[in-house]
N, C-alpha and C. Protein backbone atom coordinates (compact mmCIF):
# COMPACT_ATOMS: atom_id res chain seq x y z
N MET A 1 0.81 -1.29 -0.09
CA MET A 1 0.17 0.14 0.10
C MET A 1 1.06 1.43 0.30
N SER A 2 0.89 2.29 -0.89
CA SER A 2 1.51 3.15 -0.79
C SER A 2 1.10 4.37 0.09
N GLY A 3 1.79 5.14 0.78
CA GLY A 3 1.58 5.98 1.64
C GLY A 3 0.93 7.26 1.11
N LEU A 4 0.43 8.29 1.95
CA LEU A 4 -0.40 9.59 1.31
C LEU A 4 0.40 10.48 0.51
N PHE A 5 1.62 10.51 0.53
CA PHE A 5 2.58 11.51 -0.22
C PHE A 5 2.60 10.93 -1.07
N GLU A 6 2.74 9.78 -1.38
CA GLU A 6 2.69 9.14 -2.92
C GLU A 6 1.31 9.18 -3.66
N ASP A 7 0.25 8.90 -2.88
CA ASP A 7 -1.17 8.91 -3.43
C ASP A 7 -1.40 10.30 -3.79
N VAL A 8 -1.25 11.19 -2.91
CA VAL A 8 -1.24 12.89 -3.62
C VAL A 8 -0.26 13.16 -4.45
N SER A 9 0.78 12.80 -4.47
CA SER A 9 1.48 13.04 -5.71
C SER A 9 1.04 12.58 -6.90
N ARG A 10 0.43 11.43 -6.80
CA ARG A 10 0.24 10.57 -7.94
C ARG A 10 -1.29 11.17 -8.38
N ARG A 11 -2.13 11.81 -7.93
CA ARG A 11 -3.42 12.46 -8.20
C ARG A 11 -2.87 13.91 -8.82
N TYR A 12 -2.06 14.38 -7.74
CA TYR A 12 -1.39 15.74 -8.36
C TYR A 12 -1.04 15.61 -9.86
N GLU A 13 -0.04 14.59 -9.85
CA GLU A 13 0.53 14.95 -11.32
C GLU A 13 -0.52 14.67 -12.78
N ALA A 14 -1.19 13.90 -12.26
CA ALA A 14 -2.16 13.23 -12.92
C ALA A 14 -3.44 14.39 -13.31
N GLY A 15 -3.80 15.18 -12.25
CA GLY A 15 -4.79 16.23 -12.52
C GLY A 15 -4.11 17.49 -13.32
N HIS A 16 -2.85 17.91 -12.66
CA HIS A 16 -2.61 18.87 -13.35
C HIS A 16 -1.78 18.85 -14.75
N ALA A 17 -1.80 17.85 -15.23
CA ALA A 17 -1.68 17.48 -16.91
C ALA A 17 -2.43 17.51 -17.34
N LYS A 18 -3.80 17.25 -16.78
CA LYS A 18 -4.82 17.68 -17.68
C LYS A 18 -5.31 18.96 -18.02
N ALA A 19 -6.26 19.36 -18.75
CA ALA A 19 -6.72 21.13 -18.96
C ALA A 19 -7.22 21.50 -17.64
N PRO A 20 -7.40 22.50 -17.57
CA PRO A 20 -7.85 22.73 -15.58
C PRO A 20 -9.36 22.57 -15.94
N PRO A 21 -9.73 22.04 -14.95
CA PRO A 21 -11.28 21.66 -14.69
C PRO A 21 -12.15 23.04 -14.58
N ALA A 22 -13.49 22.90 -14.31
CA ALA A 22 -13.91 24.23 -14.44
C ALA A 22 -13.98 24.89 -13.13
N LEU A 23 -13.37 25.92 -13.13
CA LEU A 23 -13.13 26.48 -11.73
C LEU A 23 -13.72 27.37 -11.21
N TRP A 24 -13.87 27.32 -9.83
CA TRP A 24 -14.88 28.57 -9.40
C TRP A 24 -13.99 29.74 -9.16
N ILE A 25 -14.76 30.95 -9.58
CA ILE A 25 -14.17 32.15 -9.54
C ILE A 25 -14.94 33.12 -9.19
N ASP A 26 -14.06 34.38 -8.40
CA ASP A 26 -15.17 35.49 -7.91
C ASP A 26 -15.15 36.76 -8.97
N PRO A 27 -16.76 36.47 -9.47
CA PRO A 27 -16.33 37.64 -10.80
C PRO A 27 -16.11 38.86 -10.30
N ARG A 28 -15.90 39.38 -9.01
CA ARG A 28 -15.35 40.64 -8.86
C ARG A 28 -14.13 40.94 -9.23
N ILE A 29 -13.35 40.03 -9.64
CA ILE A 29 -12.26 40.18 -9.91
C ILE A 29 -12.13 40.61 -11.19
N HIS A 30 -13.03 41.13 -12.23
CA HIS A 30 -12.59 41.96 -13.24
C HIS A 30 -13.05 43.08 -12.97
N GLU A 31 -13.17 43.50 -11.63
CA GLU A 31 -13.50 45.07 -11.67
C GLU A 31 -11.81 45.77 -10.86
N ILE A 32 -11.06 44.35 -10.83
CA ILE A 32 -9.82 44.53 -9.82
C ILE A 32 -8.68 44.80 -10.78
N ASP A 33 -7.56 46.11 -10.93
CA ASP A 33 -6.83 46.12 -11.92
C ASP A 33 -5.59 45.05 -11.82
N SER A 34 -4.89 44.80 -10.05
CA SER A 34 -3.82 44.61 -9.76
C SER A 34 -4.11 43.80 -8.31
N PHE A 35 -3.46 42.43 -8.19
CA PHE A 35 -3.91 41.64 -7.20
C PHE A 35 -2.48 41.54 -6.04
N LYS A 36 -2.39 41.52 -4.83
CA LYS A 36 -1.33 41.01 -4.25
C LYS A 36 -1.33 40.08 -3.97
N PRO A 37 0.09 39.13 -3.82
CA PRO A 37 0.30 37.72 -3.75
C PRO A 37 -0.11 37.25 -2.57
N ALA A 38 -0.46 36.25 -2.38
CA ALA A 38 -0.42 35.30 -0.93
C ALA A 38 -0.14 33.79 -1.23
N ALA A 39 -0.04 33.15 -0.23
CA ALA A 39 0.11 31.68 -0.29
C ALA A 39 -0.83 31.02 0.45
N VAL A 40 -1.17 30.12 0.66
CA VAL A 40 -1.78 29.38 1.25
C VAL A 40 -1.21 27.66 1.79
N LEU A 41 -1.29 27.06 2.94
CA LEU A 41 -0.49 25.62 2.77
C LEU A 41 -1.82 24.79 3.14
N ILE A 42 -2.09 23.94 2.30
CA ILE A 42 -2.86 22.69 2.54
C ILE A 42 -2.37 21.69 2.75
N ALA A 43 -2.13 21.41 4.16
CA ALA A 43 -1.80 20.32 5.00
C ALA A 43 -2.86 19.31 4.97
N MET A 44 -2.25 17.65 4.48
CA MET A 44 -3.03 16.68 4.55
C MET A 44 -2.09 15.92 5.61
N THR A 45 -2.82 15.42 6.57
CA THR A 45 -1.98 14.46 7.56
C THR A 45 -2.33 13.01 7.23
N GLU A 46 -0.76 12.17 7.48
CA GLU A 46 -0.63 10.85 7.15
C GLU A 46 -1.23 10.15 8.06
N ARG A 47 -2.31 9.66 7.54
CA ARG A 47 -2.85 8.56 8.77
C ARG A 47 -3.77 8.20 7.36
N GLU A 48 -4.56 6.82 8.24
CA GLU A 48 -5.59 5.92 7.57
C GLU A 48 -6.76 6.50 6.93
N ARG A 49 -7.31 7.72 7.45
CA ARG A 49 -8.15 8.45 6.76
C ARG A 49 -7.65 9.54 6.88
N PRO A 50 -7.00 10.56 5.79
CA PRO A 50 -6.26 11.39 5.94
C PRO A 50 -6.84 12.60 6.05
N GLY A 51 -6.73 13.72 7.07
CA GLY A 51 -7.27 14.87 7.55
C GLY A 51 -6.68 15.78 6.92
N MET A 52 -6.95 17.14 6.77
CA MET A 52 -6.95 18.31 6.24
C MET A 52 -7.02 19.38 7.50
N LEU A 53 -5.97 20.09 7.56
CA LEU A 53 -5.46 21.40 8.52
C LEU A 53 -6.30 22.62 8.42
N LEU A 54 -7.58 23.01 9.28
CA LEU A 54 -7.82 24.22 8.97
C LEU A 54 -8.08 25.22 10.17
N LEU A 55 -8.42 26.57 10.22
CA LEU A 55 -8.50 27.06 11.47
C LEU A 55 -9.57 28.18 11.12
N HIS A 56 -9.66 28.51 12.42
CA HIS A 56 -10.92 29.55 12.61
C HIS A 56 -10.17 30.77 12.75
N ARG A 57 -10.30 31.81 12.09
CA ARG A 57 -9.89 33.22 12.00
C ARG A 57 -10.64 33.85 13.43
N PRO A 58 -9.67 34.78 14.36
CA PRO A 58 -11.00 35.40 15.33
C PRO A 58 -11.68 36.29 15.18
N SER A 59 -12.85 36.62 15.94
CA SER A 59 -13.96 37.01 15.52
C SER A 59 -13.46 38.56 15.42
N ASN A 60 -12.33 39.14 16.05
CA ASN A 60 -12.14 40.61 15.77
C ASN A 60 -10.79 41.08 15.09
N MET A 61 -10.77 40.15 13.89
CA MET A 61 -9.61 40.24 12.90
C MET A 61 -10.75 41.23 12.18
N ARG A 62 -9.74 42.27 11.27
CA ARG A 62 -10.36 42.85 10.45
C ARG A 62 -10.69 42.28 9.37
N ALA A 63 -9.80 41.57 8.69
CA ALA A 63 -10.31 40.96 7.12
C ALA A 63 -10.77 39.06 7.57
N HIS A 64 -11.62 39.04 7.46
CA HIS A 64 -12.61 37.58 7.32
C HIS A 64 -12.66 37.14 8.57
N PRO A 65 -13.14 37.94 9.63
CA PRO A 65 -13.24 37.65 10.82
C PRO A 65 -14.28 36.49 10.99
N GLY A 66 -13.97 35.47 12.19
CA GLY A 66 -14.77 34.02 12.27
C GLY A 66 -14.51 33.20 11.17
N GLN A 67 -14.13 33.30 10.02
CA GLN A 67 -14.00 32.51 8.77
C GLN A 67 -12.55 31.59 9.13
N ILE A 68 -13.58 30.45 8.24
CA ILE A 68 -12.49 29.14 8.42
C ILE A 68 -11.56 29.62 7.20
N ALA A 69 -10.24 29.19 7.23
CA ALA A 69 -9.28 29.55 6.36
C ALA A 69 -8.07 28.21 6.46
N PHE A 70 -7.34 28.21 5.61
CA PHE A 70 -6.10 27.66 5.32
C PHE A 70 -5.10 28.21 6.10
N PRO A 71 -4.03 27.96 7.06
CA PRO A 71 -2.53 28.82 7.28
C PRO A 71 -2.30 29.58 6.12
N GLY A 72 -2.01 30.88 6.37
CA GLY A 72 -1.61 31.67 5.10
C GLY A 72 -1.43 33.39 5.16
N GLY A 73 -0.90 33.71 3.96
CA GLY A 73 -0.86 35.19 4.13
C GLY A 73 -0.11 35.69 2.58
N ARG A 74 0.02 36.56 3.21
CA ARG A 74 0.88 37.87 2.12
C ARG A 74 2.36 37.07 1.64
N ILE A 75 2.62 37.06 0.37
CA ILE A 75 4.23 36.47 0.19
C ILE A 75 4.90 38.12 0.00
N ASP A 76 5.98 37.67 1.13
CA ASP A 76 6.78 38.76 1.18
C ASP A 76 8.03 38.87 -0.15
N PRO A 77 8.11 40.32 -0.42
CA PRO A 77 9.35 40.26 -1.29
C PRO A 77 10.14 39.18 -0.91
N GLY A 78 10.67 38.78 -2.11
CA GLY A 78 11.91 37.42 -2.29
C GLY A 78 11.50 36.45 -1.94
N GLU A 79 10.08 36.18 -1.59
CA GLU A 79 10.01 34.80 -1.11
C GLU A 79 9.26 34.06 -2.55
N THR A 80 9.56 32.79 -2.62
CA THR A 80 8.22 32.10 -3.10
C THR A 80 7.04 31.47 -2.51
N PRO A 81 6.06 31.36 -3.62
CA PRO A 81 4.91 31.09 -2.82
C PRO A 81 4.54 29.68 -1.47
N VAL A 82 5.91 28.81 -2.02
CA VAL A 82 6.04 27.76 -0.72
C VAL A 82 6.66 28.38 0.67
N GLN A 83 7.67 29.13 0.25
CA GLN A 83 8.29 29.72 1.39
C GLN A 83 7.48 30.67 2.28
N ALA A 84 6.28 31.00 1.47
CA ALA A 84 5.40 32.07 2.12
C ALA A 84 4.14 30.84 3.02
N ALA A 85 4.04 29.85 2.26
CA ALA A 85 2.90 28.93 2.86
C ALA A 85 3.41 28.73 4.02
N LEU A 86 4.60 27.85 4.06
CA LEU A 86 5.51 27.07 5.15
C LEU A 86 5.71 28.06 6.36
N ARG A 87 6.11 29.75 5.99
CA ARG A 87 6.12 30.67 7.20
C ARG A 87 5.01 30.75 7.97
N GLU A 88 4.30 31.09 7.36
CA GLU A 88 2.82 31.04 7.77
C GLU A 88 2.19 30.17 8.51
N ALA A 89 2.45 29.14 7.88
CA ALA A 89 2.09 27.99 8.92
C ALA A 89 2.75 27.92 9.94
N ASN A 90 3.69 27.99 9.90
CA ASN A 90 4.87 28.25 11.52
C ASN A 90 4.36 29.13 12.23
N GLU A 91 3.83 30.58 11.67
CA GLU A 91 3.78 31.34 12.48
C GLU A 91 2.09 31.45 12.99
N GLU A 92 1.26 30.86 12.30
CA GLU A 92 0.00 30.91 12.94
C GLU A 92 -0.35 29.12 13.72
N LEU A 93 0.48 28.26 12.89
CA LEU A 93 0.05 27.13 13.65
C LEU A 93 1.17 26.35 14.46
N GLY A 94 2.36 26.96 14.56
CA GLY A 94 3.59 26.61 15.19
C GLY A 94 3.97 25.35 14.33
N ILE A 95 3.67 24.99 12.73
CA ILE A 95 3.89 24.03 12.44
C ILE A 95 5.55 23.84 11.62
N ASP A 96 6.35 23.18 12.20
CA ASP A 96 7.51 23.26 11.70
C ASP A 96 7.84 23.23 10.42
N PRO A 97 8.68 23.88 9.12
CA PRO A 97 8.31 23.48 8.05
C PRO A 97 9.12 22.39 7.50
N GLY A 98 10.23 21.82 8.46
CA GLY A 98 10.51 20.50 7.79
C GLY A 98 9.98 19.23 8.28
N ASP A 99 8.82 19.36 8.98
CA ASP A 99 7.93 18.60 8.93
C ASP A 99 6.78 18.42 7.69
N VAL A 100 6.90 19.12 7.09
CA VAL A 100 5.99 19.28 5.86
C VAL A 100 6.74 18.87 4.36
N ARG A 101 6.00 17.71 3.56
CA ARG A 101 6.12 17.14 2.55
C ARG A 101 5.64 18.02 1.27
N VAL A 102 6.03 18.70 0.95
CA VAL A 102 5.69 20.02 -0.06
C VAL A 102 5.26 19.26 -1.61
N ILE A 103 4.33 18.56 -1.97
CA ILE A 103 3.98 18.15 -3.26
C ILE A 103 4.50 19.25 -4.25
N GLY A 104 3.36 20.50 -4.72
CA GLY A 104 3.39 21.44 -5.23
C GLY A 104 2.31 22.25 -5.20
N THR A 105 2.26 23.34 -5.99
CA THR A 105 1.14 24.23 -6.03
C THR A 105 -0.15 23.43 -6.74
N SER A 106 -1.04 24.43 -6.57
CA SER A 106 -2.27 24.60 -7.45
C SER A 106 -2.70 25.81 -7.82
N ASP A 107 -3.77 25.39 -8.60
CA ASP A 107 -4.84 26.68 -9.52
C ASP A 107 -4.75 28.06 -8.08
N ARG A 108 -3.94 28.99 -8.92
CA ARG A 108 -3.96 30.30 -8.25
C ARG A 108 -5.62 30.74 -7.77
N TYR A 109 -6.07 31.40 -6.73
CA TYR A 109 -7.63 32.02 -6.82
C TYR A 109 -7.36 33.35 -6.53
N ARG A 110 -8.05 34.00 -7.25
CA ARG A 110 -8.23 35.44 -6.96
C ARG A 110 -9.50 35.97 -6.40
N THR A 111 -8.90 37.03 -5.05
CA THR A 111 -10.49 37.11 -4.41
C THR A 111 -11.13 38.43 -4.88
N GLY A 112 -11.90 38.48 -4.10
CA GLY A 112 -12.78 40.28 -4.49
C GLY A 112 -12.19 41.04 -3.65
N SER A 113 -11.70 40.58 -2.94
CA SER A 113 -10.43 41.57 -1.66
C SER A 113 -9.26 42.12 -2.53
N GLY A 114 -8.97 41.47 -3.47
CA GLY A 114 -7.76 41.81 -4.23
C GLY A 114 -6.28 40.95 -3.79
N TYR A 115 -6.62 39.73 -3.66
CA TYR A 115 -5.21 39.09 -3.28
C TYR A 115 -5.78 37.89 -4.70
N GLU A 116 -4.27 37.44 -4.96
CA GLU A 116 -3.94 36.01 -5.41
C GLU A 116 -3.48 35.29 -5.15
N ILE A 117 -4.19 34.08 -4.55
CA ILE A 117 -3.74 33.11 -3.43
C ILE A 117 -3.41 31.85 -4.60
N THR A 118 -1.78 31.46 -3.80
CA THR A 118 -1.29 30.25 -4.30
C THR A 118 -1.52 29.24 -3.50
N PRO A 119 -2.50 27.75 -3.68
CA PRO A 119 -2.45 27.02 -2.44
C PRO A 119 -1.31 26.03 -2.59
N VAL A 120 -0.51 25.78 -1.90
CA VAL A 120 0.36 24.87 -1.65
C VAL A 120 0.06 23.69 -1.01
N ILE A 121 0.73 22.66 -1.60
CA ILE A 121 -0.06 21.04 -1.04
C ILE A 121 1.36 20.19 -0.98
N GLY A 122 0.84 20.10 0.83
CA GLY A 122 1.46 19.38 1.41
C GLY A 122 1.26 17.91 2.43
N VAL A 123 1.84 17.30 2.83
CA VAL A 123 1.80 15.84 3.53
C VAL A 123 2.77 16.28 5.19
N VAL A 124 2.05 16.20 6.26
CA VAL A 124 2.43 16.24 7.49
C VAL A 124 2.16 15.19 8.08
N PRO A 125 3.18 15.00 8.82
CA PRO A 125 2.74 13.39 9.99
C PRO A 125 1.41 13.78 10.96
N PRO A 126 0.82 12.62 11.38
CA PRO A 126 -0.25 12.65 11.97
C PRO A 126 -0.21 13.30 13.45
N ASP A 127 -0.90 13.87 14.09
CA ASP A 127 -0.90 14.38 15.46
C ASP A 127 0.31 15.56 16.01
N LEU A 128 0.37 16.25 15.06
CA LEU A 128 1.85 16.99 14.85
C LEU A 128 1.38 18.04 16.29
N ASP A 129 2.17 18.51 17.00
CA ASP A 129 2.21 19.33 18.53
C ASP A 129 1.98 20.59 18.01
N ILE A 130 0.51 21.04 18.12
CA ILE A 130 -0.03 22.45 17.46
C ILE A 130 0.00 23.58 18.23
N HIS A 131 0.84 24.34 17.70
CA HIS A 131 0.46 26.06 18.89
C HIS A 131 0.26 26.85 18.39
N PRO A 132 -1.04 27.08 18.17
CA PRO A 132 -1.93 28.23 17.25
C PRO A 132 -1.40 29.65 17.83
N ASN A 133 -1.38 30.38 16.98
CA ASN A 133 -1.12 31.69 17.08
C ASN A 133 -2.73 32.60 17.76
N PRO A 134 -2.91 32.77 19.11
CA PRO A 134 -4.09 33.68 19.44
C PRO A 134 -4.31 34.74 18.91
N ALA A 135 -3.19 35.45 18.02
CA ALA A 135 -3.47 36.71 17.48
C ALA A 135 -4.21 36.73 16.12
N GLU A 136 -4.14 35.26 15.86
CA GLU A 136 -4.37 34.94 14.17
C GLU A 136 -5.33 33.65 14.22
N VAL A 137 -5.51 32.98 15.12
CA VAL A 137 -6.15 31.59 15.30
C VAL A 137 -7.01 31.56 16.73
N ALA A 138 -8.45 31.30 16.30
CA ALA A 138 -9.19 31.09 16.98
C ALA A 138 -9.26 29.50 17.54
N GLN A 139 -9.06 28.72 16.61
CA GLN A 139 -9.18 27.24 17.01
C GLN A 139 -8.54 26.97 15.84
N TRP A 140 -8.22 25.57 16.04
CA TRP A 140 -7.90 24.93 14.47
C TRP A 140 -8.83 23.70 14.68
N PHE A 141 -8.43 22.52 13.65
CA PHE A 141 -9.34 21.48 13.45
C PHE A 141 -8.57 20.84 12.16
N GLU A 142 -9.14 19.18 12.40
CA GLU A 142 -9.02 18.37 10.79
C GLU A 142 -10.19 18.12 10.51
N ALA A 143 -10.38 18.45 9.31
CA ALA A 143 -11.55 17.71 8.53
C ALA A 143 -10.94 16.71 7.68
N PRO A 144 -11.44 15.62 7.46
CA PRO A 144 -11.22 14.33 6.56
C PRO A 144 -11.02 14.90 4.73
N VAL A 145 -9.74 14.09 4.21
CA VAL A 145 -9.98 15.11 3.18
C VAL A 145 -10.97 13.86 2.17
N ASP A 146 -11.30 13.28 2.27
CA ASP A 146 -12.31 12.45 1.35
C ASP A 146 -13.70 13.17 1.68
N PHE A 147 -13.95 13.90 2.92
CA PHE A 147 -15.07 14.62 2.90
C PHE A 147 -15.14 16.13 2.48
N VAL A 148 -14.16 16.84 2.61
CA VAL A 148 -14.05 18.27 2.07
C VAL A 148 -13.85 18.72 0.48
N LEU A 149 -13.14 17.48 0.11
CA LEU A 149 -12.91 17.02 -1.54
C LEU A 149 -13.86 16.35 -2.28
N ASP A 150 -14.99 16.07 -1.68
CA ASP A 150 -15.94 15.36 -2.28
C ASP A 150 -16.71 16.17 -2.92
N ARG A 151 -17.15 16.87 -4.26
CA ARG A 151 -17.79 17.62 -4.88
C ARG A 151 -19.55 17.48 -4.38
N ALA A 152 -19.67 16.31 -3.80
CA ALA A 152 -21.35 16.14 -3.34
C ALA A 152 -21.14 16.79 -1.87
N ASN A 153 -20.41 17.10 -1.61
CA ASN A 153 -20.64 17.95 -0.14
C ASN A 153 -20.12 19.43 -0.14
N GLN A 154 -20.04 19.83 -1.27
CA GLN A 154 -19.83 21.27 -1.64
C GLN A 154 -20.66 21.87 -2.38
N MET A 155 -21.76 22.49 -1.56
CA MET A 155 -23.22 22.91 -1.77
C MET A 155 -22.77 24.46 -2.36
N THR A 156 -23.59 24.69 -3.53
CA THR A 156 -23.61 25.90 -4.04
C THR A 156 -24.77 26.65 -3.14
N ARG A 157 -24.17 28.16 -2.79
CA ARG A 157 -25.23 28.90 -1.98
C ARG A 157 -25.43 30.09 -2.80
N THR A 158 -26.25 31.04 -2.23
CA THR A 158 -26.44 32.44 -3.04
C THR A 158 -27.07 33.07 -1.73
N ILE A 159 -26.36 34.50 -1.61
CA ILE A 159 -27.03 35.44 -0.67
C ILE A 159 -26.82 36.83 -1.39
N ASP A 160 -27.82 37.59 -0.90
CA ASP A 160 -27.73 39.01 -1.73
C ASP A 160 -26.90 39.88 -0.29
N TRP A 161 -25.96 40.63 -1.14
CA TRP A 161 -24.91 41.20 -0.18
C TRP A 161 -24.54 42.77 -1.19
N GLU A 162 -24.76 43.87 -0.52
CA GLU A 162 -23.99 45.05 -0.89
C GLU A 162 -24.91 45.22 -2.49
N GLY A 163 -26.17 44.90 -2.21
CA GLY A 163 -27.36 45.33 -3.56
C GLY A 163 -27.09 43.99 -4.57
N ARG A 164 -26.02 43.11 -4.64
CA ARG A 164 -25.94 42.27 -5.68
C ARG A 164 -26.07 40.45 -4.90
N GLN A 165 -26.73 39.52 -5.79
CA GLN A 165 -26.19 38.16 -5.34
C GLN A 165 -24.92 37.76 -5.83
N HIS A 166 -24.70 37.19 -4.67
CA HIS A 166 -23.18 36.72 -4.64
C HIS A 166 -23.37 35.09 -4.80
N SER A 167 -23.00 33.90 -5.41
CA SER A 167 -22.75 32.68 -5.06
C SER A 167 -21.55 32.02 -4.40
N PHE A 168 -21.46 31.43 -3.64
CA PHE A 168 -20.31 30.62 -2.89
C PHE A 168 -20.46 29.37 -2.72
N ILE A 169 -19.58 28.67 -2.68
CA ILE A 169 -19.26 27.15 -2.28
C ILE A 169 -19.27 26.89 -0.72
N GLU A 170 -19.88 25.97 0.00
CA GLU A 170 -20.15 25.81 1.28
C GLU A 170 -20.16 24.71 1.60
N ILE A 171 -19.10 24.21 2.35
CA ILE A 171 -18.69 22.82 3.03
C ILE A 171 -19.05 22.93 4.34
N VAL A 172 -20.00 21.59 4.92
CA VAL A 172 -20.23 21.94 6.64
C VAL A 172 -19.58 20.56 6.96
N TRP A 173 -18.62 20.71 7.78
CA TRP A 173 -18.33 19.33 8.48
C TRP A 173 -17.86 19.20 10.13
N SER A 174 -18.92 18.32 10.63
CA SER A 174 -19.49 18.26 11.73
C SER A 174 -18.09 17.38 12.67
N ASP A 175 -17.89 17.85 13.53
CA ASP A 175 -16.95 16.79 14.58
C ASP A 175 -17.86 16.68 16.07
N GLN A 176 -17.29 16.35 17.11
CA GLN A 176 -18.04 15.95 18.36
C GLN A 176 -18.06 17.34 18.68
N ARG A 177 -17.44 18.24 18.51
CA ARG A 177 -17.58 19.55 19.08
C ARG A 177 -18.76 20.49 18.31
N GLN A 178 -18.74 20.74 16.93
CA GLN A 178 -19.68 21.67 16.44
C GLN A 178 -19.55 21.34 14.93
N ASP A 179 -20.46 22.20 14.43
CA ASP A 179 -20.07 22.40 12.93
C ASP A 179 -19.39 23.18 12.44
N HIS A 180 -18.83 23.14 11.47
CA HIS A 180 -17.57 23.61 11.23
C HIS A 180 -17.74 24.11 9.63
N VAL A 181 -18.47 25.49 9.36
CA VAL A 181 -19.09 26.17 7.65
C VAL A 181 -17.84 26.49 7.31
N ILE A 182 -17.66 25.63 5.57
CA ILE A 182 -16.24 26.17 5.29
C ILE A 182 -16.77 26.98 4.04
N TRP A 183 -16.67 28.16 3.77
CA TRP A 183 -17.18 28.92 2.39
C TRP A 183 -16.52 29.86 1.99
N GLY A 184 -16.92 30.92 1.06
CA GLY A 184 -15.85 31.82 0.41
C GLY A 184 -14.80 31.28 -0.04
N VAL A 185 -13.36 32.14 0.59
CA VAL A 185 -12.26 31.82 -0.61
C VAL A 185 -11.91 30.36 -0.18
N THR A 186 -12.14 30.01 0.97
CA THR A 186 -11.68 28.43 1.52
C THR A 186 -12.53 27.52 0.77
N GLY A 187 -13.41 27.70 0.72
CA GLY A 187 -14.93 26.82 -0.25
C GLY A 187 -14.15 26.54 -1.63
N ALA A 188 -14.24 27.88 -2.29
CA ALA A 188 -13.66 28.03 -3.32
C ALA A 188 -12.34 27.31 -4.01
N ILE A 189 -11.56 27.33 -3.12
CA ILE A 189 -9.91 26.51 -3.02
C ILE A 189 -10.43 25.03 -3.19
N LEU A 190 -11.23 24.72 -2.24
CA LEU A 190 -11.32 22.98 -2.19
C LEU A 190 -12.04 22.97 -3.52
N HIS A 191 -12.84 23.49 -3.78
CA HIS A 191 -13.67 22.99 -4.97
C HIS A 191 -12.87 22.81 -6.20
N ASN A 192 -12.09 24.10 -6.32
CA ASN A 192 -11.04 23.63 -7.47
C ASN A 192 -10.09 22.59 -7.36
N LEU A 193 -9.60 22.44 -5.99
CA LEU A 193 -8.71 21.43 -5.64
C LEU A 193 -9.35 20.17 -6.37
N ALA A 194 -10.76 19.89 -5.68
CA ALA A 194 -11.01 18.75 -5.91
C ALA A 194 -11.38 18.34 -7.54
N GLY A 195 -11.13 19.42 -8.15
CA GLY A 195 -11.36 19.06 -9.68
C GLY A 195 -9.77 18.69 -10.19
N ARG A 196 -8.95 18.82 -9.56
CA ARG A 196 -7.61 18.38 -10.07
C ARG A 196 -7.44 17.11 -9.28
N LEU A 197 -7.26 16.48 -8.07
CA LEU A 197 -7.30 15.58 -7.19
C LEU A 197 -8.24 14.63 -7.59
N GLU A 198 -9.34 14.56 -8.09
CA GLU A 198 -10.52 13.62 -7.77
C GLU A 198 -10.81 12.76 -6.70
N TRP A 199 -10.36 13.24 -5.98
CA TRP A 199 -10.57 12.43 -4.49
C TRP A 199 -11.54 11.25 -4.68
N HIS A 200 -12.62 11.64 -4.78
CA HIS A 200 -13.70 10.41 -4.62
C HIS A 200 -13.63 9.57 -6.19
N GLU A 201 -12.56 9.40 -6.76
CA GLU A 201 -12.09 8.15 -7.61
C GLU A 201 -11.33 7.66 -6.95
N SER A 202 -11.45 6.33 -7.12
CA SER A 202 -10.36 5.29 -6.52
C SER A 202 -9.08 5.17 -7.29
């Protein structure tokens, strides 16, 4: 039996060798002239049922308060997306960059707030000693990869906001403590990644 790193690498290479799947985009990006580069780490845990590390942003943050996100942030001058994602994961969750086996980057996602986000896919050991930074992380959790990357669990929702209708992807993962509602940028990135990795396929 191959390990998670080999499995995800196989899916990554096969998925990214094809033409891009139908990607979810934010229509507001057509009103933006330039984007600030950012990166996030999609960390999958090496266990029998692989998980994915996600976090809740504090409710007092100026940007995306209370939302579920991947560890990540702006790319500093001179950094690559991989370096930025690993640095941010270390700053936010205390993940040692040496514990991350990087597989590669996936489709960049442009946000209506003016960011161009590069998802960095990596595999980490199970049960890492996580030390969340309270200034940036209210709590963290691990959701099953096969659940969040299953298109059947990715619901399309529509809301009225600022005089417009906005559609978004919503994924609700429930553990023993609470319902985790994943949506917005994180939901869109997961939707696009699902089209690349085809996790529902054997």
